[in-house]
C-alpha atoms as a PDB file:
ATOM      1  CA  UNK A   1       1.570  18.983   5.348  1.00  0.00           C
ATOM      2  CA  UNK A   2       0.753  15.313   6.020  1.00  0.00           C
ATOM      3  CA  UNK A   3       3.982  13.089   6.009  1.00  0.00           C
ATOM      4  CA  UNK A   4       3.642   9.333   5.094  1.00  0.00           C
ATOM      5  CA  UNK A   5       5.880   6.637   6.416  1.00  0.00           C
ATOM      6  CA  UNK A   6       5.857   3.171   5.019  1.00  0.00           C
ATOM      7  CA  UNK A   7       6.775   0.020   6.611  1.00  0.00           C
ATOM      8  CA  UNK A   8       6.818  -3.755   6.518  1.00  0.00           C
ATOM      9  CA  UNK A   9       8.159  -4.420   3.422  1.00  0.00           C
ATOM     10  CA  UNK A  10      11.070  -7.301   3.208  1.00  0.00           C
ATOM     11  CA  UNK A  11      12.394 -10.015   1.042  1.00  0.00           C
ATOM     12  CA  UNK A  12       9.810 -12.737   0.383  1.00  0.00           C
ATOM     13  CA  UNK A  13       9.542 -16.075  -0.978  1.00  0.00           C
ATOM     14  CA  UNK A  14       6.699 -17.181  -3.645  1.00  0.00           C
ATOM     15  CA  UNK A  15       3.371 -17.836  -1.830  1.00  0.00           C
ATOM     16  CA  UNK A  16       4.411 -15.804   1.087  1.00  0.00           C
ATOM     17  CA  UNK A  17       2.198 -13.294   3.073  1.00  0.00           C
ATOM     18  CA  UNK A  18       3.011  -9.664   4.172  1.00  0.00           C
ATOM     19  CA  UNK A  19       1.526  -6.901   5.426  1.00  0.00           C
ATOM     20  CA  UNK A  20       2.296  -3.441   5.102  1.00  0.00           C
ATOM     21  CA  UNK A  21       1.675  -0.124   7.083  1.00  0.00           C
ATOM     22  CA  UNK A  22       1.463   3.454   6.360  1.00  0.00           C
ATOM     23  CA  UNK A  23       1.029   5.841   9.093  1.00  0.00           C
ATOM     24  CA  UNK A  24       0.739   9.532   8.774  1.00  0.00           C
ATOM     25  CA  UNK A  25       1.800  12.365  11.147  1.00  0.00           C
ATOM     26  CA  UNK A  26       1.108  16.214  10.489  1.00  0.00           C
ATOM     27  CA  UNK A  27      -2.657  15.463   9.754  1.00  0.00           C
ATOM     28  CA  UNK A  28      -5.125  13.293   9.494  1.00  0.00           C
ATOM     29  CA  UNK A  29      -5.951  10.937   6.910  1.00  0.00           C
ATOM     30  CA  UNK A  30      -9.876  10.212   8.239  1.00  0.00           C
ATOM     31  CA  UNK A  31     -11.330  12.795   5.626  1.00  0.00           C
ATOM     32  CA  UNK A  32      -9.742  10.959   2.318  1.00  0.00           C
ATOM     33  CA  UNK A  33      -9.850   7.979  -0.134  1.00  0.00           C
ATOM     34  CA  UNK A  34      -6.278   6.173   0.720  1.00  0.00           C
ATOM     35  CA  UNK A  35      -4.448   4.395  -1.635  1.00  0.00           C
ATOM     36  CA  UNK A  36      -1.292   2.093  -2.262  1.00  0.00           C
ATOM     37  CA  UNK A  37       0.892   2.242  -5.151  1.00  0.00           C
ATOM     38  CA  UNK A  38       4.121   0.304  -6.240  1.00  0.00           C
ATOM     39  CA  UNK A  39       7.000   0.911  -8.653  1.00  0.00           C
ATOM     40  CA  UNK A  40       8.423  -2.028 -10.105  1.00  0.00           C
ATOM     41  CA  UNK A  41      11.952  -2.031 -11.099  1.00  0.00           C
ATOM     42  CA  UNK A  42      12.390   0.108 -14.271  1.00  0.00           C
ATOM     43  CA  UNK A  43       8.792   1.123 -14.409  1.00  0.00           C
ATOM     44  CA  UNK A  44       6.549   3.831 -13.556  1.00  0.00           C
ATOM     45  CA  UNK A  45       4.649   3.813 -10.720  1.00  0.00           C
ATOM     46  CA  UNK A  46       1.008   2.127 -10.760  1.00  0.00           C
ATOM     47  CA  UNK A  47      -1.955   2.089  -8.602  1.00  0.00           C
ATOM     48  CA  UNK A  48      -2.739  -1.112  -6.638  1.00  0.00           C
ATOM     49  CA  UNK A  49      -5.527  -0.397  -4.150  1.00  0.00           C
ATOM     50  CA  UNK A  50      -7.907   2.081  -2.943  1.00  0.00           C
ATOM     51  CA  UNK A  51     -10.068   2.423   0.309  1.00  0.00           C
ATOM     52  CA  UNK A  52     -12.815   4.745   0.930  1.00  0.00           C
ATOM     53  CA  UNK A  53     -13.063   7.055   4.351  1.00  0.00           C
ATOM     54  CA  UNK A  54     -15.331   4.361   6.336  1.00  0.00           C
ATOM     55  CA  UNK A  55     -13.764   1.514   4.444  1.00  0.00           C
ATOM     56  CA  UNK A  56     -16.880   0.657   3.132  1.00  0.00           C
ATOM     57  CA  UNK A  57     -15.648   0.348  -0.457  1.00  0.00           C
ATOM     58  CA  UNK A  58     -12.292  -1.057  -1.998  1.00  0.00           C
ATOM     59  CA  UNK A  59     -10.979  -0.993  -5.456  1.00  0.00           C
ATOM     60  CA  UNK A  60      -8.072  -3.047  -6.593  1.00  0.00           C
ATOM     61  CA  UNK A  61      -5.828  -3.534  -9.760  1.00  0.00           C
ATOM     62  CA  UNK A  62      -6.803  -6.767 -11.830  1.00  0.00           C
ATOM     63  CA  UNK A  63      -3.163  -8.481 -10.750  1.00  0.00           C
ATOM     64  CA  UNK A  64      -3.740  -8.327  -7.170  1.00  0.00           C
ATOM     65  CA  UNK A  65      -7.488  -9.129  -6.858  1.00  0.00           C
ATOM     66  CA  UNK A  66      -8.113 -11.858  -4.531  1.00  0.00           C
ATOM     67  CA  UNK A  67      -4.694 -11.687  -2.961  1.00  0.00           C
ATOM     68  CA  UNK A  68      -4.345  -8.184  -1.713  1.00  0.00           C
ATOM     69  CA  UNK A  69      -6.426  -6.281   0.809  1.00  0.00           C
ATOM     70  CA  UNK A  70      -6.125  -2.816   1.816  1.00  0.00           C
ATOM     71  CA  UNK A  71      -7.717  -1.904   5.174  1.00  0.00           C
ATOM     72  CA  UNK A  72      -7.618   1.243   7.523  1.00  0.00           C
ATOM     73  CA  UNK A  73      -7.678   2.342  10.955  1.00  0.00           C
ATOM     74  CA  UNK A  74      -8.549   5.765  11.187  1.00  0.00           C
ATOM     75  CA  UNK A  75      -7.904   5.986  14.977  1.00  0.00           C
ATOM     76  CA  UNK A  76      -4.226   5.356  14.212  1.00  0.00           C
ATOM     77  CA  UNK A  77      -4.082   7.309  11.206  1.00  0.00           C
ATOM     78  CA  UNK A  78      -2.944   4.138   9.318  1.00  0.00           C
ATOM     79  CA  UNK A  79      -3.713   2.240   6.237  1.00  0.00           C
ATOM     80  CA  UNK A  80      -2.609  -1.380   5.716  1.00  0.00           C
ATOM     81  CA  UNK A  81      -2.025  -3.687   2.927  1.00  0.00           C
ATOM     82  CA  UNK A  82      -2.316  -7.591   3.194  1.00  0.00           C
ATOM     83  CA  UNK A  83      -0.387  -9.304   0.723  1.00  0.00           C
ATOM     84  CA  UNK A  84      -1.068 -13.036   0.300  1.00  0.00           C
ATOM     85  CA  UNK A  85       0.117 -15.544  -2.267  1.00  0.00           C
ATOM     86  CA  UNK A  86       3.095 -13.153  -3.371  1.00  0.00           C
ATOM     87  CA  UNK A  87       4.586 -13.454  -6.691  1.00  0.00           C
ATOM     88  CA  UNK A  88       8.014 -12.350  -8.049  1.00  0.00           C
ATOM     89  CA  UNK A  89       5.711  -9.790 -10.183  1.00  0.00           C
ATOM     90  CA  UNK A  90       4.839  -7.908  -6.968  1.00  0.00           C
ATOM     91  CA  UNK A  91       8.579  -7.084  -6.422  1.00  0.00           C
ATOM     92  CA  UNK A  92       8.282  -3.133  -5.987  1.00  0.00           C
ATOM     93  CA  UNK A  93       8.579  -0.160  -3.908  1.00  0.00           C
ATOM     94  CA  UNK A  94       5.031   0.052  -2.277  1.00  0.00           C
ATOM     95  CA  UNK A  95       3.575   3.216  -1.100  1.00  0.00           C
ATOM     96  CA  UNK A  96       1.003   4.953   0.136  1.00  0.00           C
ATOM     97  CA  UNK A  97      -1.082   8.093  -0.431  1.00  0.00           C
ATOM     98  CA  UNK A  98      -4.184   9.804  -0.080  1.00  0.00           C
ATOM     99  CA  UNK A  99      -6.295  11.671  -3.040  1.00  0.00           C
ATOM    100  CA  UNK A 100      -5.584  14.135  -3.315  1.00  0.00           C
ATOM    101  CA  UNK A 101      -1.963  13.144  -3.216  1.00  0.00           C
ATOM    102  CA  UNK A 102       0.599  14.517  -0.768  1.00  0.00           C
ATOM    103  CA  UNK A 103       4.307  14.146  -1.488  1.00  0.00           C
ATOM    104  CA  UNK A 104       5.459  10.750  -1.891  1.00  0.00           C
ATOM    105  CA  UNK A 105       7.020   8.872   1.289  1.00  0.00           C
ATOM    106  CA  UNK A 106      10.457   6.828   1.236  1.00  0.00           C
ATOM    107  CA  UNK A 107       8.172   3.524   0.464  1.00  0.00           C
ATOM    108  CA  UNK A 108       9.002   0.073   1.553  1.00  0.00           C
ATOM    109  CA  UNK A 109      10.560  -2.464  -0.705  1.00  0.00           C
ATOM    110  CA  UNK A 110       8.997  -5.872  -1.194  1.00  0.00           C
ATOM    111  CA  UNK A 111      11.078  -8.548  -2.849  1.00  0.00           C
ATOM    112  CA  UNK A 112       9.263 -11.660  -3.920  1.00  0.00           C
ATOM    113  CA  UNK A 113      11.865 -14.547  -5.193  1.00  0.00           C
ATOM    114  CA  UNK A 114      10.714 -17.294  -7.244  1.00  0.00           C
END
Protein backbone atom coordinates (compact mmCIF):
# COMPACT_ATOMS: atom_id res chain seq x y z
CA UNK A 1 0.00 0.00 0.00
CA UNK A 2 1.04 3.57 -0.52
CA UNK A 3 2.68 5.35 2.40
CA UNK A 4 2.34 9.11 2.62
CA UNK A 5 4.82 11.34 4.41
CA UNK A 6 3.99 14.98 4.95
CA UNK A 7 6.62 17.59 5.76
CA UNK A 8 7.23 21.31 5.86
CA UNK A 9 5.10 22.40 8.80
CA UNK A 10 6.22 24.83 11.44
CA UNK A 11 5.46 27.72 13.76
CA UNK A 12 4.54 30.76 11.72
CA UNK A 13 3.32 34.31 12.14
CA UNK A 14 0.16 35.77 10.65
CA UNK A 15 0.84 36.70 7.04
CA UNK A 16 3.71 34.27 6.55
CA UNK A 17 4.03 31.77 3.73
CA UNK A 18 4.82 28.08 3.94
CA UNK A 19 5.03 25.19 1.52
CA UNK A 20 4.06 21.70 2.56
CA UNK A 21 5.21 18.59 0.75
CA UNK A 22 3.83 15.08 0.69
CA UNK A 23 5.88 12.28 -0.77
CA UNK A 24 4.56 8.81 -1.44
CA UNK A 25 6.36 5.51 -1.32
CA UNK A 26 5.23 2.00 -2.11
CA UNK A 27 3.19 3.06 -5.10
CA UNK A 28 2.60 5.79 -7.61
CA UNK A 29 0.27 8.74 -7.10
CA UNK A 30 0.04 9.67 -10.75
CA UNK A 31 -3.25 7.90 -11.55
CA UNK A 32 -5.12 9.59 -8.73
CA UNK A 33 -6.73 12.81 -7.69
CA UNK A 34 -4.74 14.07 -4.71
CA UNK A 35 -5.84 16.17 -1.81
CA UNK A 36 -4.74 18.06 1.26
CA UNK A 37 -6.74 17.91 4.44
CA UNK A 38 -6.31 19.41 7.88
CA UNK A 39 -7.44 18.79 11.43
CA UNK A 40 -7.67 21.91 13.58
CA UNK A 41 -7.30 21.47 17.34
CA UNK A 42 -10.40 19.84 18.80
CA UNK A 43 -12.14 19.54 15.43
CA UNK A 44 -12.76 16.95 12.75
CA UNK A 45 -10.48 16.53 9.77
CA UNK A 46 -11.58 18.76 6.89
CA UNK A 47 -10.92 19.06 3.19
CA UNK A 48 -8.51 21.81 2.08
CA UNK A 49 -7.64 21.33 -1.58
CA UNK A 50 -7.57 18.78 -4.39
CA UNK A 51 -5.84 18.44 -7.75
CA UNK A 52 -6.58 16.24 -10.72
CA UNK A 53 -4.22 13.67 -12.21
CA UNK A 54 -2.46 16.03 -14.58
CA UNK A 55 -2.86 19.15 -12.45
CA UNK A 56 -5.24 20.81 -14.89
CA UNK A 57 -7.97 21.37 -12.32
CA UNK A 58 -7.95 22.26 -8.64
CA UNK A 59 -10.50 22.80 -5.93
CA UNK A 60 -10.29 24.56 -2.57
CA UNK A 61 -12.33 25.09 0.53
CA UNK A 62 -13.72 28.60 0.60
CA UNK A 63 -11.61 29.82 3.50
CA UNK A 64 -8.31 29.19 1.68
CA UNK A 65 -9.24 30.28 -1.83
CA UNK A 66 -6.81 32.88 -3.13
CA UNK A 67 -4.27 32.06 -0.39
CA UNK A 68 -3.42 28.38 -0.87
CA UNK A 69 -2.28 26.62 -4.01
CA UNK A 70 -2.02 22.87 -4.56
CA UNK A 71 0.37 21.43 -7.11
CA UNK A 72 1.93 18.10 -7.93
CA UNK A 73 5.01 16.57 -9.49
CA UNK A 74 4.17 13.11 -10.74
CA UNK A 75 7.82 12.43 -11.57
CA UNK A 76 8.67 12.95 -7.90
CA UNK A 77 5.52 11.24 -6.62
CA UNK A 78 4.90 14.36 -4.57
CA UNK A 79 2.09 16.81 -3.95
CA UNK A 80 2.58 20.30 -2.54
CA UNK A 81 0.53 22.90 -0.75
CA UNK A 82 1.71 26.49 -1.00
CA UNK A 83 0.14 28.49 1.80
CA UNK A 84 0.30 32.28 1.70
CA UNK A 85 -1.14 34.96 3.97
CA UNK A 86 -1.43 32.47 6.81
CA UNK A 87 -4.00 33.13 9.52
CA UNK A 88 -4.32 31.74 13.05
CA UNK A 89 -7.38 29.76 11.89
CA UNK A 90 -5.09 27.82 9.54
CA UNK A 91 -3.52 26.20 12.60
CA UNK A 92 -3.95 22.44 12.19
CA UNK A 93 -2.25 19.17 11.43
CA UNK A 94 -2.10 18.91 7.66
CA UNK A 95 -2.42 15.62 5.81
CA UNK A 96 -2.31 14.57 2.20
CA UNK A 97 -4.12 11.66 0.64
CA UNK A 98 -5.36 10.29 -2.64
CA UNK A 99 -8.88 9.54 -3.74
CA UNK A 100 -9.78 6.83 -2.79
CA UNK A 101 -7.96 7.26 0.49
CA UNK A 102 -4.94 5.35 1.70
CA UNK A 103 -4.21 5.04 5.42
CA UNK A 104 -3.47 8.48 6.81
CA UNK A 105 0.13 9.51 7.45
CA UNK A 106 1.43 11.33 10.50
CA UNK A 107 0.66 14.74 9.11
CA UNK A 108 2.65 17.91 9.62
CA UNK A 109 1.78 20.52 12.23
CA UNK A 110 1.22 24.09 11.12
CA UNK A 111 0.79 26.65 13.87
CA UNK A 112 0.08 30.28 13.07
CA UNK A 113 0.40 32.85 15.82
CA UNK A 114 -1.32 36.21 15.73
